[in-house]
Each structure stands twice: as structure tokens, then as C-alpha cells.
PDB file of N, CA and C in Angstrom:
ATOM      1  N   MET A   1      58.880 104.947 142.841  1.00  0.00           N
ATOM      2  CA  MET A   1      58.664 104.012 141.725  1.00  0.00           C
ATOM      3  C   MET A   1      57.189 103.625 141.659  1.00  0.00           C
ATOM      4  N   ALA A   2      56.665 103.564 140.497  1.00  0.00           N
ATOM      5  CA  ALA A   2      55.258 103.240 140.256  1.00  0.00           C
ATOM      6  C   ALA A   2      54.983 101.742 140.558  1.00  0.00           C
ATOM      7  N   ASP A   3      53.746 101.518 141.075  1.00  0.00           N
ATOM      8  CA  ASP A   3      53.350 100.136 141.350  1.00  0.00           C
ATOM      9  C   ASP A   3      52.780  99.545 140.032  1.00  0.00           C
ATOM     10  N   ILE A   4      53.600  98.743 139.348  1.00  0.00           N
ATOM     11  CA  ILE A   4      53.265  98.243 138.072  1.00  0.00           C
ATOM     12  C   ILE A   4      52.983  96.712 138.263  1.00  0.00           C
ATOM     13  N   LYS A   5      51.810  96.241 137.749  1.00  0.00           N
ATOM     14  CA  LYS A   5      51.459  94.841 137.748  1.00  0.00           C
ATOM     15  C   LYS A   5      52.180  94.159 136.594  1.00  0.00           C
ATOM     16  N   TYR A   6      52.328  92.855 136.611  1.00  0.00           N
ATOM     17  CA  TYR A   6      53.002  92.137 135.574  1.00  0.00           C
ATOM     18  C   TYR A   6      52.294  92.208 134.172  1.00  0.00           C
ATOM     19  N   TYR A   7      51.020  92.433 134.213  1.00  0.00           N
ATOM     20  CA  TYR A   7      50.290  92.434 132.901  1.00  0.00           C
ATOM     21  C   TYR A   7      50.415  93.880 132.243  1.00  0.00           C
ATOM     22  N   ASP A   8      50.892  94.886 133.031  1.00  0.00           N
ATOM     23  CA  ASP A   8      51.098  96.199 132.522  1.00  0.00           C
ATOM     24  C   ASP A   8      52.632  96.467 132.053  1.00  0.00           C
ATOM     25  N   VAL A   9      53.474  95.484 132.323  1.00  0.00           N
ATOM     26  CA  VAL A   9      54.859  95.681 132.022  1.00  0.00           C
ATOM     27  C   VAL A   9      55.109  95.569 130.514  1.00  0.00           C
ATOM     28  N   ILE A  10      54.694  94.497 129.883  1.00  0.00           N
ATOM     29  CA  ILE A  10      54.887  94.297 128.448  1.00  0.00           C
ATOM     30  C   ILE A  10      53.808  94.965 127.625  1.00  0.00           C
ATOM     31  N   LEU A  11      54.161  95.883 126.762  1.00  0.00           N
ATOM     32  CA  LEU A  11      53.240  96.611 126.021  1.00  0.00           C
ATOM     33  C   LEU A  11      52.927  95.962 124.655  1.00  0.00           C
ATOM     34  N   LYS A  12      53.901  95.650 123.913  1.00  0.00           N
ATOM     35  CA  LYS A  12      53.731  94.923 122.647  1.00  0.00           C
ATOM     36  C   LYS A  12      55.051  94.402 122.169  1.00  0.00           C
ATOM     37  N   PRO A  13      55.041  93.348 121.303  1.00  0.00           N
ATOM     38  CA  PRO A  13      56.211  92.860 120.765  1.00  0.00           C
ATOM     39  C   PRO A  13      56.815  93.734 119.601  1.00  0.00           C
ATOM     40  N   VAL A  14      58.091  93.684 119.444  1.00  0.00           N
ATOM     41  CA  VAL A  14      58.754  94.422 118.364  1.00  0.00           C
ATOM     42  C   VAL A  14      58.974  93.474 117.177  1.00  0.00           C
ATOM     43  N   ILE A  15      58.330  93.773 116.078  1.00  0.00           N
ATOM     44  CA  ILE A  15      58.518  92.914 114.840  1.00  0.00           C
ATOM     45  C   ILE A  15      59.377  93.573 113.861  1.00  0.00           C
ATOM     46  N   THR A  16      60.566  93.241 113.786  1.00  0.00           N
ATOM     47  CA  THR A  16      61.499  93.741 112.773  1.00  0.00           C
ATOM     48  C   THR A  16      62.323  92.626 112.199  1.00  0.00           C
ATOM     49  N   GLU A  17      63.085  92.816 111.182  1.00  0.00           N
ATOM     50  CA  GLU A  17      63.914  91.727 110.581  1.00  0.00           C
ATOM     51  C   GLU A  17      64.917  91.268 111.657  1.00  0.00           C
ATOM     52  N   LYS A  18      65.553  92.172 112.316  1.00  0.00           N
ATOM     53  CA  LYS A  18      66.517  91.832 113.316  1.00  0.00           C
ATOM     54  C   LYS A  18      66.020  91.049 114.429  1.00  0.00           C
ATOM     55  N   SER A  19      64.809  91.403 114.908  1.00  0.00           N
ATOM     56  CA  SER A  19      64.201  90.724 116.028  1.00  0.00           C
ATOM     57  C   SER A  19      63.718  89.304 115.609  1.00  0.00           C
ATOM     58  N   MET A  20      63.243  89.224 114.358  1.00  0.00           N
ATOM     59  CA  MET A  20      62.852  87.953 113.910  1.00  0.00           C
ATOM     60  C   MET A  20      64.032  86.925 113.715  1.00  0.00           C
ATOM     61  N   GLU A  21      65.214  87.406 113.329  1.00  0.00           N
ATOM     62  CA  GLU A  21      66.388  86.654 113.192  1.00  0.00           C
ATOM     63  C   GLU A  21      66.827  86.126 114.580  1.00  0.00           C
ATOM     64  N   ARG A  22      66.691  86.964 115.567  1.00  0.00           N
ATOM     65  CA  ARG A  22      67.147  86.656 116.937  1.00  0.00           C
ATOM     66  C   ARG A  22      66.212  85.515 117.572  1.00  0.00           C
ATOM     67  N   MET A  23      65.013  85.339 117.048  1.00  0.00           N
ATOM     68  CA  MET A  23      64.127  84.300 117.647  1.00  0.00           C
ATOM     69  C   MET A  23      64.700  82.943 117.504  1.00  0.00           C
ATOM     70  N   GLY A  24      65.548  82.690 116.542  1.00  0.00           N
ATOM     71  CA  GLY A  24      66.261  81.364 116.453  1.00  0.00           C
ATOM     72  C   GLY A  24      67.190  81.158 117.576  1.00  0.00           C
ATOM     73  N   GLU A  25      67.638  82.253 118.170  1.00  0.00           N
ATOM     74  CA  GLU A  25      68.565  82.097 119.385  1.00  0.00           C
ATOM     75  C   GLU A  25      67.732  82.227 120.706  1.00  0.00           C
ATOM     76  N   LYS A  26      66.416  82.172 120.577  1.00  0.00           N
ATOM     77  CA  LYS A  26      65.498  82.292 121.730  1.00  0.00           C
ATOM     78  C   LYS A  26      65.619  83.672 122.409  1.00  0.00           C
ATOM     79  N   LYS A  27      65.793  84.708 121.586  1.00  0.00           N
ATOM     80  CA  LYS A  27      65.808  86.058 122.017  1.00  0.00           C
ATOM     81  C   LYS A  27      64.595  86.787 121.461  1.00  0.00           C
ATOM     82  N   TYR A  28      63.820  87.339 122.400  1.00  0.00           N
ATOM     83  CA  TYR A  28      62.514  87.988 121.965  1.00  0.00           C
ATOM     84  C   TYR A  28      62.614  89.489 122.444  1.00  0.00           C
ATOM     85  N   THR A  29      62.070  90.330 121.578  1.00  0.00           N
ATOM     86  CA  THR A  29      62.102  91.837 121.851  1.00  0.00           C
ATOM     87  C   THR A  29      60.726  92.311 122.071  1.00  0.00           C
ATOM     88  N   PHE A  30      60.586  93.125 123.221  1.00  0.00           N
ATOM     89  CA  PHE A  30      59.349  93.716 123.550  1.00  0.00           C
ATOM     90  C   PHE A  30      59.497  95.177 123.824  1.00  0.00           C
ATOM     91  N   LEU A  31      58.440  95.971 123.573  1.00  0.00           N
ATOM     92  CA  LEU A  31      58.321  97.295 124.089  1.00  0.00           C
ATOM     93  C   LEU A  31      57.697  97.168 125.555  1.00  0.00           C
ATOM     94  N   VAL A  32      58.403  97.819 126.558  1.00  0.00           N
ATOM     95  CA  VAL A  32      57.971  97.630 127.860  1.00  0.00           C
ATOM     96  C   VAL A  32      57.661  99.028 128.544  1.00  0.00           C
ATOM     97  N   HIS A  33      57.033  98.972 129.680  1.00  0.00           N
ATOM     98  CA  HIS A  33      56.756 100.191 130.433  1.00  0.00           C
ATOM     99  C   HIS A  33      58.064 100.914 130.783  1.00  0.00           C
ATOM    100  N   THR A  34      58.055 102.182 130.696  1.00  0.00           N
ATOM    101  CA  THR A  34      59.338 102.946 130.875  1.00  0.00           C
ATOM    102  C   THR A  34      59.904 102.830 132.352  1.00  0.00           C
ATOM    103  N   ASP A  35      59.028 102.575 133.298  1.00  0.00           N
ATOM    104  CA  ASP A  35      59.460 102.436 134.679  1.00  0.00           C
ATOM    105  C   ASP A  35      59.754 100.983 135.136  1.00  0.00           C
ATOM    106  N   ALA A  36      59.655 100.015 134.230  1.00  0.00           N
ATOM    107  CA  ALA A  36      59.794  98.613 134.527  1.00  0.00           C
ATOM    108  C   ALA A  36      61.325  98.297 134.729  1.00  0.00           C
ATOM    109  N   THR A  37      61.613  97.440 135.702  1.00  0.00           N
ATOM    110  CA  THR A  37      62.904  96.997 135.957  1.00  0.00           C
ATOM    111  C   THR A  37      63.148  95.635 135.267  1.00  0.00           C
ATOM    112  N   LYS A  38      64.401  95.223 135.291  1.00  0.00           N
ATOM    113  CA  LYS A  38      64.717  93.936 134.623  1.00  0.00           C
ATOM    114  C   LYS A  38      64.032  92.785 135.323  1.00  0.00           C
ATOM    115  N   ASN A  39      63.951  92.815 136.655  1.00  0.00           N
ATOM    116  CA  ASN A  39      63.293  91.737 137.479  1.00  0.00           C
ATOM    117  C   ASN A  39      61.738  91.713 137.179  1.00  0.00           C
ATOM    118  N   GLN A  40      61.198  92.920 136.993  1.00  0.00           N
ATOM    119  CA  GLN A  40      59.725  92.939 136.672  1.00  0.00           C
ATOM    120  C   GLN A  40      59.443  92.389 135.262  1.00  0.00           C
ATOM    121  N   ILE A  41      60.427  92.695 134.349  1.00  0.00           N
ATOM    122  CA  ILE A  41      60.204  92.160 132.974  1.00  0.00           C
ATOM    123  C   ILE A  41      60.363  90.706 132.959  1.00  0.00           C
ATOM    124  N   LYS A  42      61.303  90.151 133.624  1.00  0.00           N
ATOM    125  CA  LYS A  42      61.512  88.618 133.821  1.00  0.00           C
ATOM    126  C   LYS A  42      60.338  88.019 134.419  1.00  0.00           C
ATOM    127  N   GLU A  43      59.749  88.572 135.420  1.00  0.00           N
ATOM    128  CA  GLU A  43      58.594  88.020 136.089  1.00  0.00           C
ATOM    129  C   GLU A  43      57.430  88.094 135.128  1.00  0.00           C
ATOM    130  N   ALA A  44      57.208  89.142 134.457  1.00  0.00           N
ATOM    131  CA  ALA A  44      56.073  89.282 133.556  1.00  0.00           C
ATOM    132  C   ALA A  44      56.128  88.284 132.419  1.00  0.00           C
ATOM    133  N   VAL A  45      57.233  88.141 131.777  1.00  0.00           N
ATOM    134  CA  VAL A  45      57.343  87.059 130.720  1.00  0.00           C
ATOM    135  C   VAL A  45      57.078  85.732 131.219  1.00  0.00           C
ATOM    136  N   GLU A  46      57.618  85.323 132.335  1.00  0.00           N
ATOM    137  CA  GLU A  46      57.418  83.982 132.913  1.00  0.00           C
ATOM    138  C   GLU A  46      55.951  83.742 133.283  1.00  0.00           C
ATOM    139  N   LYS A  47      55.228  84.790 133.719  1.00  0.00           N
ATOM    140  CA  LYS A  47      53.795  84.632 134.117  1.00  0.00           C
ATOM    141  C   LYS A  47      52.949  84.655 132.933  1.00  0.00           C
ATOM    142  N   MET A  48      53.245  85.513 131.887  1.00  0.00           N
ATOM    143  CA  MET A  48      52.291  85.673 130.759  1.00  0.00           C
ATOM    144  C   MET A  48      52.434  84.486 129.815  1.00  0.00           C
ATOM    145  N   PHE A  49      53.639  83.936 129.607  1.00  0.00           N
ATOM    146  CA  PHE A  49      53.837  82.879 128.695  1.00  0.00           C
ATOM    147  C   PHE A  49      54.148  81.614 129.350  1.00  0.00           C
ATOM    148  N   ALA A  50      53.270  80.673 129.407  1.00  0.00           N
ATOM    149  CA  ALA A  50      53.457  79.392 130.217  1.00  0.00           C
ATOM    150  C   ALA A  50      54.593  78.625 129.669  1.00  0.00           C
ATOM    151  N   GLY A  51      55.413  78.059 130.577  1.00  0.00           N
ATOM    152  CA  GLY A  51      56.503  77.165 130.123  1.00  0.00           C
ATOM    153  C   GLY A  51      57.755  77.877 129.762  1.00  0.00           C
ATOM    154  N   THR A  52      57.829  79.195 129.944  1.00  0.00           N
ATOM    155  CA  THR A  52      59.054  79.912 129.621  1.00  0.00           C
ATOM    156  C   THR A  52      59.854  80.153 130.816  1.00  0.00           C
ATOM    157  N   LYS A  53      61.183  80.139 130.710  1.00  0.00           N
ATOM    158  CA  LYS A  53      62.126  80.405 131.760  1.00  0.00           C
ATOM    159  C   LYS A  53      63.112  81.395 131.185  1.00  0.00           C
ATOM    160  N   VAL A  54      63.196  82.557 131.880  1.00  0.00           N
ATOM    161  CA  VAL A  54      64.109  83.622 131.366  1.00  0.00           C
ATOM    162  C   VAL A  54      65.461  83.520 131.888  1.00  0.00           C
ATOM    163  N   GLU A  55      66.494  83.593 131.036  1.00  0.00           N
ATOM    164  CA  GLU A  55      67.891  83.526 131.404  1.00  0.00           C
ATOM    165  C   GLU A  55      68.366  84.908 131.705  1.00  0.00           C
ATOM    166  N   SER A  56      68.191  85.843 130.852  1.00  0.00           N
ATOM    167  CA  SER A  56      68.638  87.219 131.057  1.00  0.00           C
ATOM    168  C   SER A  56      67.707  88.216 130.329  1.00  0.00           C
ATOM    169  N   VAL A  57      67.849  89.445 130.788  1.00  0.00           N
ATOM    170  CA  VAL A  57      67.082  90.567 130.191  1.00  0.00           C
ATOM    171  C   VAL A  57      67.979  91.784 129.899  1.00  0.00           C
ATOM    172  N   ASN A  58      68.041  92.277 128.674  1.00  0.00           N
ATOM    173  CA  ASN A  58      68.775  93.486 128.360  1.00  0.00           C
ATOM    174  C   ASN A  58      67.819  94.537 128.054  1.00  0.00           C
ATOM    175  N   THR A  59      67.948  95.711 128.578  1.00  0.00           N
ATOM    176  CA  THR A  59      67.058  96.877 128.305  1.00  0.00           C
ATOM    177  C   THR A  59      67.718  97.986 127.670  1.00  0.00           C
ATOM    178  N   MET A  60      66.988  98.845 126.947  1.00  0.00           N
ATOM    179  CA  MET A  60      67.481 100.082 126.421  1.00  0.00           C
ATOM    180  C   MET A  60      66.462 101.179 126.445  1.00  0.00           C
ATOM    181  N   ASN A  61      66.787 102.360 126.827  1.00  0.00           N
ATOM    182  CA  ASN A  61      65.904 103.527 126.928  1.00  0.00           C
ATOM    183  C   ASN A  61      66.083 104.357 125.662  1.00  0.00           C
ATOM    184  N   ASN A  62      65.047 104.647 124.979  1.00  0.00           N
ATOM    185  CA  ASN A  62      65.058 105.464 123.811  1.00  0.00           C
ATOM    186  C   ASN A  62      64.339 106.774 124.091  1.00  0.00           C
ATOM    187  N   GLY A  63      65.000 107.949 124.039  1.00  0.00           N
ATOM    188  CA  GLY A  63      64.404 109.195 124.300  1.00  0.00           C
ATOM    189  C   GLY A  63      63.532 109.602 123.130  1.00  0.00           C
ATOM    190  N   GLY A  64      62.590 110.484 123.445  1.00  0.00           N
ATOM    191  CA  GLY A  64      61.728 111.022 122.361  1.00  0.00           C
ATOM    192  C   GLY A  64      62.488 111.829 121.268  1.00  0.00           C
ATOM    193  N   LYS A  65      62.029 111.751 120.086  1.00  0.00           N
ATOM    194  CA  LYS A  65      62.612 112.531 118.963  1.00  0.00           C
ATOM    195  C   LYS A  65      62.005 113.876 118.860  1.00  0.00           C
ATOM    196  N   LYS A  66      62.772 114.796 118.372  1.00  0.00           N
ATOM    197  CA  LYS A  66      62.277 116.198 118.165  1.00  0.00           C
ATOM    198  C   LYS A  66      61.506 116.170 116.830  1.00  0.00           C
ATOM    199  N   LYS A  67      60.315 116.738 116.854  1.00  0.00           N
ATOM    200  CA  LYS A  67      59.485 116.807 115.590  1.00  0.00           C
ATOM    201  C   LYS A  67      58.980 118.288 115.468  1.00  0.00           C
ATOM    202  N   ARG A  68      58.862 118.670 114.233  1.00  0.00           N
ATOM    203  CA  ARG A  68      58.212 120.007 113.966  1.00  0.00           C
ATOM    204  C   ARG A  68      56.747 119.852 114.101  1.00  0.00           C
ATOM    205  N   VAL A  69      56.055 120.903 114.541  1.00  0.00           N
ATOM    206  CA  VAL A  69      54.648 120.916 114.681  1.00  0.00           C
ATOM    207  C   VAL A  69      54.013 121.860 113.655  1.00  0.00           C
ATOM    208  N   ARG A  70      53.134 121.287 112.868  1.00  0.00           N
ATOM    209  CA  ARG A  70      52.365 122.083 111.950  1.00  0.00           C
ATOM    210  C   ARG A  70      53.191 122.907 110.904  1.00  0.00           C
ATOM    211  N   GLY A  71      54.350 122.440 110.546  1.00  0.00           N
ATOM    212  CA  GLY A  71      55.138 123.101 109.537  1.00  0.00           C
ATOM    213  C   GLY A  71      55.765 124.423 109.958  1.00  0.00           C
ATOM    214  N   THR A  72      55.577 124.816 111.253  1.00  0.00           N
ATOM    215  CA  THR A  72      56.208 126.054 111.770  1.00  0.00           C
ATOM    216  C   THR A  72      57.531 125.786 112.466  1.00  0.00           C
ATOM    217  N   MET A  73      58.049 126.736 113.040  1.00  0.00           N
ATOM    218  CA  MET A  73      59.301 126.591 113.708  1.00  0.00           C
ATOM    219  C   MET A  73      59.144 126.084 115.190  1.00  0.00           C
ATOM    220  N   GLN A  74      57.951 125.645 115.546  1.00  0.00           N
ATOM    221  CA  GLN A  74      57.745 125.086 116.897  1.00  0.00           C
ATOM    222  C   GLN A  74      58.023 123.663 116.888  1.00  0.00           C
ATOM    223  N   PHE A  75      58.605 123.206 118.036  1.00  0.00           N
ATOM    224  CA  PHE A  75      59.055 121.832 118.090  1.00  0.00           C
ATOM    225  C   PHE A  75      58.405 121.109 119.306  1.00  0.00           C
ATOM    226  N   GLY A  76      58.162 119.910 119.130  1.00  0.00           N
ATOM    227  CA  GLY A  76      57.681 119.004 120.136  1.00  0.00           C
ATOM    228  C   GLY A  76      58.469 117.755 120.120  1.00  0.00           C
ATOM    229  N   THR A  77      58.170 116.833 121.102  1.00  0.00           N
ATOM    230  CA  THR A  77      58.946 115.527 121.094  1.00  0.00           C
ATOM    231  C   THR A  77      57.893 114.415 121.107  1.00  0.00           C
ATOM    232  N   THR A  78      58.368 113.334 120.557  1.00  0.00           N
ATOM    233  CA  THR A  78      57.600 112.092 120.610  1.00  0.00           C
ATOM    234  C   THR A  78      57.794 111.429 122.005  1.00  0.00           C
ATOM    235  N   ALA A  79      56.968 110.440 122.254  1.00  0.00           N
ATOM    236  CA  ALA A  79      57.066 109.809 123.630  1.00  0.00           C
ATOM    237  C   ALA A  79      58.446 108.963 123.720  1.00  0.00           C
ATOM    238  N   LYS A  80      58.871 108.882 125.045  1.00  0.00           N
ATOM    239  CA  LYS A  80      60.053 108.056 125.338  1.00  0.00           C
ATOM    240  C   LYS A  80      59.562 106.581 125.334  1.00  0.00           C
ATOM    241  N   THR A  81      60.499 105.641 124.897  1.00  0.00           N
ATOM    242  CA  THR A  81      60.149 104.239 124.939  1.00  0.00           C
ATOM    243  C   THR A  81      61.256 103.449 125.574  1.00  0.00           C
ATOM    244  N   LYS A  82      60.942 102.254 125.948  1.00  0.00           N
ATOM    245  CA  LYS A  82      61.911 101.374 126.504  1.00  0.00           C
ATOM    246  C   LYS A  82      61.721  99.992 125.826  1.00  0.00           C
ATOM    247  N   LYS A  83      62.880  99.469 125.375  1.00  0.00           N
ATOM    248  CA  LYS A  83      62.831  98.093 124.764  1.00  0.00           C
ATOM    249  C   LYS A  83      63.526  97.092 125.641  1.00  0.00           C
ATOM    250  N   ALA A  84      63.072  95.864 125.641  1.00  0.00           N
ATOM    251  CA  ALA A  84      63.720  94.761 126.398  1.00  0.00           C
ATOM    252  C   ALA A  84      63.994  93.592 125.432  1.00  0.00           C
ATOM    253  N   ILE A  85      65.177  93.094 125.514  1.00  0.00           N
ATOM    254  CA  ILE A  85      65.456  91.771 124.712  1.00  0.00           C
ATOM    255  C   ILE A  85      65.619  90.729 125.775  1.00  0.00           C
ATOM    256  N   VAL A  86      64.724  89.763 125.664  1.00  0.00           N
ATOM    257  CA  VAL A  86      64.617  88.662 126.743  1.00  0.00           C
ATOM    258  C   VAL A  86      65.227  87.481 126.147  1.00  0.00           C
ATOM    259  N   GLN A  87      66.230  86.882 126.838  1.00  0.00           N
ATOM    260  CA  GLN A  87      66.912  85.609 126.444  1.00  0.00           C
ATOM    261  C   GLN A  87      66.311  84.439 127.259  1.00  0.00           C
ATOM    262  N   LEU A  88      65.753  83.464 126.576  1.00  0.00           N
ATOM    263  CA  LEU A  88      65.182  82.317 127.271  1.00  0.00           C
ATOM    264  C   LEU A  88      66.188  81.211 127.385  1.00  0.00           C
ATOM    265  N   THR A  89      66.005  80.354 128.316  1.00  0.00           N
ATOM    266  CA  THR A  89      66.902  79.207 128.501  1.00  0.00           C
ATOM    267  C   THR A  89      66.709  78.184 127.416  1.00  0.00           C
ATOM    268  N   GLU A  90      67.701  77.259 127.256  1.00  0.00           N
ATOM    269  CA  GLU A  90      67.605  76.179 126.212  1.00  0.00           C
ATOM    270  C   GLU A  90      66.359  75.275 126.387  1.00  0.00           C
ATOM    271  N   GLU A  91      66.076  74.919 127.599  1.00  0.00           N
ATOM    272  CA  GLU A  91      64.967  74.012 127.866  1.00  0.00           C
ATOM    273  C   GLU A  91      63.610  74.666 127.969  1.00  0.00           C
ATOM    274  N   SER A  92      63.640  76.000 127.811  1.00  0.00           N
ATOM    275  CA  SER A  92      62.441  76.770 127.920  1.00  0.00           C
ATOM    276  C   SER A  92      61.537  76.587 126.686  1.00  0.00           C
ATOM    277  N   ALA A  93      60.197  76.744 126.822  1.00  0.00           N
ATOM    278  CA  ALA A  93      59.310  76.642 125.697  1.00  0.00           C
ATOM    279  C   ALA A  93      59.334  77.986 124.939  1.00  0.00           C
ATOM    280  N   ASP A  94      59.165  77.873 123.628  1.00  0.00           N
ATOM    281  CA  ASP A  94      59.027  79.072 122.788  1.00  0.00           C
ATOM    282  C   ASP A  94      57.856  79.931 123.103  1.00  0.00           C
ATOM    283  N   ILE A  95      57.904  81.147 122.781  1.00  0.00           N
ATOM    284  CA  ILE A  95      56.733  82.064 122.946  1.00  0.00           C
ATOM    285  C   ILE A  95      55.845  81.953 121.735  1.00  0.00           C
ATOM    286  N   GLU A  96      54.619  81.484 121.930  1.00  0.00           N
ATOM    287  CA  GLU A  96      53.695  81.138 120.826  1.00  0.00           C
ATOM    288  C   GLU A  96      53.227  82.405 120.130  1.00  0.00           C
ATOM    289  N   LEU A  97      53.363  83.625 120.703  1.00  0.00           N
ATOM    290  CA  LEU A  97      52.959  84.846 120.146  1.00  0.00           C
ATOM    291  C   LEU A  97      53.605  85.083 118.768  1.00  0.00           C
ATOM    292  N   PHE A  98      54.882  84.647 118.716  1.00  0.00           N
ATOM    293  CA  PHE A  98      55.678  84.929 117.451  1.00  0.00           C
ATOM    294  C   PHE A  98      55.608  83.862 116.447  1.00  0.00           C
ATOM    295  N   GLU A  99      54.875  82.743 116.706  1.00  0.00           N
ATOM    296  CA  GLU A  99      54.844  81.644 115.728  1.00  0.00           C
ATOM    297  C   GLU A  99      54.003  81.997 114.549  1.00  0.00           C
ATOM    298  N   GLY A 100      54.437  81.612 113.402  1.00  0.00           N
ATOM    299  CA  GLY A 100      53.706  81.911 112.111  1.00  0.00           C
ATOM    300  C   GLY A 100      53.978  83.313 111.490  1.00  0.00           C
ATOM    301  N   LEU A 101      54.847  84.043 112.059  1.00  0.00           N
ATOM    302  CA  LEU A 101      55.231  85.333 111.492  1.00  0.00           C
ATOM    303  C   LEU A 101      56.391  85.250 110.486  1.00  0.00           C
TER     304      LEU A 101
END
């Protein structure tokens, strides 16, 4: 397994209608490093965003999609991704990154 630091775990937030609705329930969605474990994701969120306490982490692996290359019959694939849905505790502070969206 790769040696991943906590600041390399979270790549970017996922901004969709569904993820914005879940913010009311203190659930935040992030794209994370493909080799990151649930414990590493939990540690990264708690260290990067002050005052947060993670209750649970759900992850999903998305394989790359097949795409045609240059209009010919050659195929390639897009990159694999991993998403994490982080549930914060009730007494936890909100993540300020999502405020005002």
C-alpha cells in the first residue's frame, strides 16, 4: 500500500444537487485518492477541517469508462475514481468549504 499523507487523501469536493441536499444531514462528498482507506479519509477530514468529528465514512470505487479515441475503432479508458461520503457527528462543526454554494 502506498504511503499517503493526510493532505494527499482528499482531492476535491463533489458539487452536485444530491451532495448539496445531503449537507443538511451533515454528509459531505469528496473525491479521494484511489488507495485511501476509510480510516485515512476520517483522519484527513478531521485534520484538514478544524472542529469536525467524523462519525462514519462510506466509499465507492468507480471504474474508468470506455471511450473512443479520435473517431476510430480504437478504445481507451478514463481514469478510475473513488468517492467518499463523510458523515459528521451532531456536535461537529460544519465544513466551511461548502458554505455559500
